[in-house]
Amino acid sequence: MPNIRKIHKKITVIGRVQGIGFRFACRNMANSLGIKGYVKNLYDGNVYIEAEGTELQLRHFIDWCYKGPTYANVSEIKESEDTVKGFKHFDITH
């Protein structure tokens, strides 16, 4: 039986990821996968995501983050696990 326990990931997407619709595409992908959390731009030009879902959902989501939308150029992703916060939606924040 697959693991359906929810986990929480903090994800930093490094590269050319601002000004190209990354946050909007990220929200669309998260919603399509059933992931809850948020995405925001960082002052250093990178994108920060907190995402909650099953291990399988997050694996698919992080795989997508490595590619991103058209015009994204992702050079690195940093991720760590944290305590589940119980997000109800996936939002774009500032």
N, C-alpha and C. Protein backbone atom coordinates (compact mmCIF):
# COMPACT_ATOMS: atom_id res chain seq x y z
N MET A 1 0.84 -1.19 0.00
CA MET A 1 0.00 0.00 0.00
C MET A 1 0.88 1.24 0.00
N PRO A 2 0.60 2.21 -0.86
CA PRO A 2 1.46 3.41 -0.93
C PRO A 2 1.36 4.25 0.34
N ASN A 3 2.41 4.97 0.61
CA ASN A 3 2.45 5.84 1.79
C ASN A 3 1.62 7.10 1.51
N ILE A 4 0.53 7.28 2.25
CA ILE A 4 -0.33 8.45 2.03
C ILE A 4 -0.16 9.49 3.14
N ARG A 5 0.84 9.29 3.99
CA ARG A 5 1.14 10.26 5.04
C ARG A 5 1.56 11.58 4.40
N LYS A 6 1.03 12.68 4.91
CA LYS A 6 1.41 14.00 4.39
C LYS A 6 2.78 14.38 4.93
N ILE A 7 3.58 14.97 4.06
CA ILE A 7 4.86 15.52 4.48
C ILE A 7 4.95 16.98 4.03
N HIS A 8 5.87 17.71 4.62
CA HIS A 8 6.05 19.15 4.36
C HIS A 8 7.47 19.36 3.85
N LYS A 9 7.59 20.03 2.73
CA LYS A 9 8.91 20.34 2.17
C LYS A 9 9.08 21.84 2.02
N LYS A 10 10.27 22.30 2.39
CA LYS A 10 10.71 23.67 2.08
C LYS A 10 11.62 23.54 0.87
N ILE A 11 11.30 24.30 -0.18
CA ILE A 11 12.01 24.17 -1.45
C ILE A 11 12.48 25.55 -1.92
N THR A 12 13.74 25.67 -2.23
CA THR A 12 14.27 26.89 -2.84
C THR A 12 14.71 26.54 -4.25
N VAL A 13 14.13 27.25 -5.22
CA VAL A 13 14.45 27.02 -6.64
C VAL A 13 15.39 28.14 -7.06
N ILE A 14 16.58 27.75 -7.48
CA ILE A 14 17.66 28.69 -7.79
C ILE A 14 17.87 28.73 -9.30
N GLY A 15 18.03 29.93 -9.82
CA GLY A 15 18.27 30.11 -11.25
C GLY A 15 17.47 31.27 -11.78
N ARG A 16 17.19 31.23 -13.09
CA ARG A 16 16.37 32.28 -13.71
C ARG A 16 14.92 31.86 -13.55
N VAL A 17 14.30 32.31 -12.46
CA VAL A 17 12.96 31.84 -12.11
C VAL A 17 12.01 32.98 -11.74
N GLN A 18 12.44 34.22 -11.91
CA GLN A 18 11.55 35.34 -11.66
C GLN A 18 11.30 36.10 -12.95
N GLY A 19 10.09 36.66 -13.06
CA GLY A 19 9.73 37.44 -14.24
C GLY A 19 9.33 36.60 -15.43
N ILE A 20 9.07 35.32 -15.20
CA ILE A 20 8.73 34.41 -16.31
C ILE A 20 7.46 33.62 -16.02
N GLY A 21 6.75 33.96 -14.95
CA GLY A 21 5.52 33.26 -14.60
C GLY A 21 5.72 31.99 -13.80
N PHE A 22 6.89 31.86 -13.16
CA PHE A 22 7.18 30.64 -12.41
C PHE A 22 6.17 30.41 -11.29
N ARG A 23 5.86 31.46 -10.52
CA ARG A 23 4.94 31.29 -9.39
C ARG A 23 3.55 30.86 -9.85
N PHE A 24 3.07 31.43 -10.95
CA PHE A 24 1.73 31.09 -11.44
C PHE A 24 1.71 29.65 -11.97
N ALA A 25 2.74 29.27 -12.72
CA ALA A 25 2.83 27.90 -13.22
C ALA A 25 2.99 26.92 -12.05
N CYS A 26 3.72 27.33 -11.04
CA CYS A 26 3.94 26.51 -9.85
C CYS A 26 2.61 26.26 -9.14
N ARG A 27 1.81 27.31 -8.98
CA ARG A 27 0.50 27.16 -8.34
C ARG A 27 -0.39 26.23 -9.16
N ASN A 28 -0.38 26.38 -10.48
CA ASN A 28 -1.19 25.51 -11.33
C ASN A 28 -0.76 24.05 -11.19
N MET A 29 0.54 23.81 -11.18
CA MET A 29 1.04 22.44 -11.04
C MET A 29 0.69 21.87 -9.66
N ALA A 30 0.88 22.67 -8.62
CA ALA A 30 0.54 22.22 -7.27
C ALA A 30 -0.94 21.86 -7.18
N ASN A 31 -1.79 22.71 -7.72
CA ASN A 31 -3.23 22.44 -7.69
C ASN A 31 -3.57 21.17 -8.46
N SER A 32 -2.92 20.95 -9.60
CA SER A 32 -3.22 19.76 -10.40
C SER A 32 -2.78 18.48 -9.68
N LEU A 33 -1.76 18.59 -8.81
CA LEU A 33 -1.26 17.43 -8.07
C LEU A 33 -1.90 17.28 -6.70
N GLY A 34 -2.71 18.26 -6.28
CA GLY A 34 -3.33 18.20 -4.96
C GLY A 34 -2.42 18.63 -3.83
N ILE A 35 -1.41 19.44 -4.15
CA ILE A 35 -0.45 19.92 -3.15
C ILE A 35 -0.94 21.24 -2.56
N LYS A 36 -0.73 21.40 -1.26
CA LYS A 36 -1.11 22.63 -0.55
C LYS A 36 0.16 23.33 -0.09
N GLY A 37 0.07 24.67 0.07
CA GLY A 37 1.22 25.44 0.55
C GLY A 37 1.25 26.80 -0.09
N TYR A 38 2.46 27.29 -0.39
CA TYR A 38 2.59 28.60 -1.03
C TYR A 38 3.92 28.72 -1.76
N VAL A 39 3.97 29.71 -2.63
CA VAL A 39 5.19 30.04 -3.38
C VAL A 39 5.38 31.55 -3.32
N LYS A 40 6.63 31.99 -3.25
CA LYS A 40 6.91 33.42 -3.26
C LYS A 40 8.29 33.68 -3.86
N ASN A 41 8.45 34.90 -4.39
CA ASN A 41 9.76 35.34 -4.87
C ASN A 41 10.62 35.74 -3.68
N LEU A 42 11.91 35.48 -3.79
CA LEU A 42 12.87 35.94 -2.80
C LEU A 42 13.62 37.14 -3.34
N TYR A 43 14.16 37.95 -2.45
CA TYR A 43 14.88 39.15 -2.88
C TYR A 43 16.15 38.83 -3.66
N ASP A 44 16.69 37.62 -3.49
CA ASP A 44 17.92 37.26 -4.19
C ASP A 44 17.67 36.74 -5.61
N GLY A 45 16.39 36.77 -6.07
CA GLY A 45 16.07 36.34 -7.42
C GLY A 45 15.61 34.90 -7.53
N ASN A 46 15.62 34.19 -6.42
CA ASN A 46 15.18 32.80 -6.41
C ASN A 46 13.71 32.71 -5.99
N VAL A 47 13.16 31.51 -5.98
CA VAL A 47 11.78 31.28 -5.60
C VAL A 47 11.76 30.31 -4.42
N TYR A 48 10.91 30.61 -3.44
CA TYR A 48 10.78 29.79 -2.23
C TYR A 48 9.39 29.17 -2.19
N ILE A 49 9.33 27.88 -1.88
CA ILE A 49 8.07 27.14 -1.84
C ILE A 49 7.99 26.36 -0.54
N GLU A 50 6.81 26.38 0.07
CA GLU A 50 6.50 25.42 1.13
C GLU A 50 5.35 24.60 0.58
N ALA A 51 5.52 23.28 0.57
CA ALA A 51 4.55 22.39 -0.08
C ALA A 51 4.26 21.19 0.81
N GLU A 52 2.97 20.82 0.84
CA GLU A 52 2.55 19.65 1.61
C GLU A 52 1.76 18.70 0.72
N GLY A 53 2.06 17.44 0.86
CA GLY A 53 1.36 16.40 0.12
C GLY A 53 1.97 15.07 0.47
N THR A 54 1.59 14.04 -0.27
CA THR A 54 2.21 12.74 -0.06
C THR A 54 3.61 12.74 -0.67
N GLU A 55 4.38 11.74 -0.31
CA GLU A 55 5.73 11.64 -0.87
C GLU A 55 5.69 11.58 -2.39
N LEU A 56 4.75 10.82 -2.94
CA LEU A 56 4.63 10.70 -4.40
C LEU A 56 4.24 12.04 -5.04
N GLN A 57 3.26 12.73 -4.46
CA GLN A 57 2.85 14.04 -4.99
C GLN A 57 4.04 15.00 -4.99
N LEU A 58 4.78 15.04 -3.89
CA LEU A 58 5.90 15.98 -3.79
C LEU A 58 7.05 15.59 -4.71
N ARG A 59 7.24 14.30 -4.93
CA ARG A 59 8.29 13.87 -5.86
C ARG A 59 7.98 14.39 -7.26
N HIS A 60 6.71 14.24 -7.70
CA HIS A 60 6.30 14.75 -9.01
C HIS A 60 6.43 16.27 -9.07
N PHE A 61 6.05 16.94 -8.00
CA PHE A 61 6.11 18.40 -7.94
C PHE A 61 7.55 18.90 -8.03
N ILE A 62 8.43 18.29 -7.26
CA ILE A 62 9.84 18.72 -7.27
C ILE A 62 10.48 18.41 -8.62
N ASP A 63 10.12 17.28 -9.22
CA ASP A 63 10.61 17.00 -10.58
C ASP A 63 10.19 18.11 -11.54
N TRP A 64 8.93 18.57 -11.42
CA TRP A 64 8.47 19.68 -12.26
C TRP A 64 9.27 20.94 -11.96
N CYS A 65 9.56 21.21 -10.69
CA CYS A 65 10.31 22.42 -10.31
C CYS A 65 11.68 22.47 -10.97
N TYR A 66 12.30 21.32 -11.20
CA TYR A 66 13.60 21.29 -11.88
C TYR A 66 13.50 21.81 -13.31
N LYS A 67 12.33 21.63 -13.93
CA LYS A 67 12.13 22.13 -15.30
C LYS A 67 11.49 23.51 -15.28
N GLY A 68 10.42 23.64 -14.50
CA GLY A 68 9.69 24.90 -14.44
C GLY A 68 8.95 25.18 -15.74
N PRO A 69 8.38 26.37 -15.84
CA PRO A 69 7.67 26.75 -17.06
C PRO A 69 8.65 27.13 -18.17
N THR A 70 8.12 27.40 -19.34
CA THR A 70 8.93 27.89 -20.45
C THR A 70 9.73 29.11 -20.00
N TYR A 71 10.96 29.21 -20.42
CA TYR A 71 11.89 30.31 -20.13
C TYR A 71 12.56 30.20 -18.77
N ALA A 72 12.14 29.25 -17.94
CA ALA A 72 12.85 29.05 -16.67
C ALA A 72 14.19 28.39 -16.96
N ASN A 73 15.17 28.73 -16.15
CA ASN A 73 16.48 28.09 -16.23
C ASN A 73 16.90 27.77 -14.80
N VAL A 74 16.51 26.60 -14.34
CA VAL A 74 16.76 26.18 -12.96
C VAL A 74 18.15 25.58 -12.87
N SER A 75 18.98 26.13 -11.99
CA SER A 75 20.33 25.61 -11.84
C SER A 75 20.47 24.70 -10.63
N GLU A 76 19.59 24.88 -9.63
CA GLU A 76 19.71 24.08 -8.42
C GLU A 76 18.40 24.15 -7.63
N ILE A 77 18.13 23.09 -6.89
CA ILE A 77 17.00 23.09 -5.96
C ILE A 77 17.52 22.62 -4.61
N LYS A 78 17.17 23.37 -3.58
CA LYS A 78 17.48 22.96 -2.21
C LYS A 78 16.16 22.60 -1.55
N GLU A 79 16.13 21.47 -0.85
CA GLU A 79 14.90 21.06 -0.20
C GLU A 79 15.20 20.48 1.17
N SER A 80 14.27 20.68 2.07
CA SER A 80 14.37 20.08 3.41
C SER A 80 12.97 19.76 3.88
N GLU A 81 12.88 18.81 4.80
CA GLU A 81 11.59 18.41 5.33
C GLU A 81 11.34 19.17 6.63
N ASP A 82 10.08 19.49 6.89
CA ASP A 82 9.70 20.23 8.09
C ASP A 82 8.38 19.65 8.61
N THR A 83 7.89 20.21 9.68
CA THR A 83 6.64 19.78 10.30
C THR A 83 5.45 20.18 9.43
N VAL A 84 4.50 19.28 9.26
CA VAL A 84 3.30 19.57 8.49
C VAL A 84 2.51 20.68 9.18
N LYS A 85 2.11 21.68 8.39
CA LYS A 85 1.40 22.85 8.92
C LYS A 85 -0.10 22.81 8.63
N GLY A 86 -0.54 21.94 7.74
CA GLY A 86 -1.96 21.82 7.45
C GLY A 86 -2.52 22.91 6.55
N PHE A 87 -1.76 23.31 5.53
CA PHE A 87 -2.25 24.30 4.57
C PHE A 87 -3.55 23.81 3.93
N LYS A 88 -4.44 24.74 3.61
CA LYS A 88 -5.73 24.40 3.00
C LYS A 88 -5.74 24.66 1.49
N HIS A 89 -4.83 25.50 1.00
CA HIS A 89 -4.78 25.91 -0.41
C HIS A 89 -3.33 25.99 -0.83
N PHE A 90 -3.10 26.28 -2.10
CA PHE A 90 -1.77 26.63 -2.58
C PHE A 90 -1.83 28.05 -3.08
N ASP A 91 -1.12 28.96 -2.44
CA ASP A 91 -1.22 30.39 -2.72
C ASP A 91 0.09 30.96 -3.23
N ILE A 92 -0.02 32.09 -3.92
CA ILE A 92 1.12 32.93 -4.26
C ILE A 92 1.16 34.03 -3.21
N THR A 93 2.28 34.14 -2.50
CA THR A 93 2.40 35.17 -1.46
C THR A 93 3.54 36.11 -1.81
N HIS A 94 3.65 37.15 -1.01
CA HIS A 94 4.71 38.16 -1.23
C HIS A 94 5.53 38.33 0.02
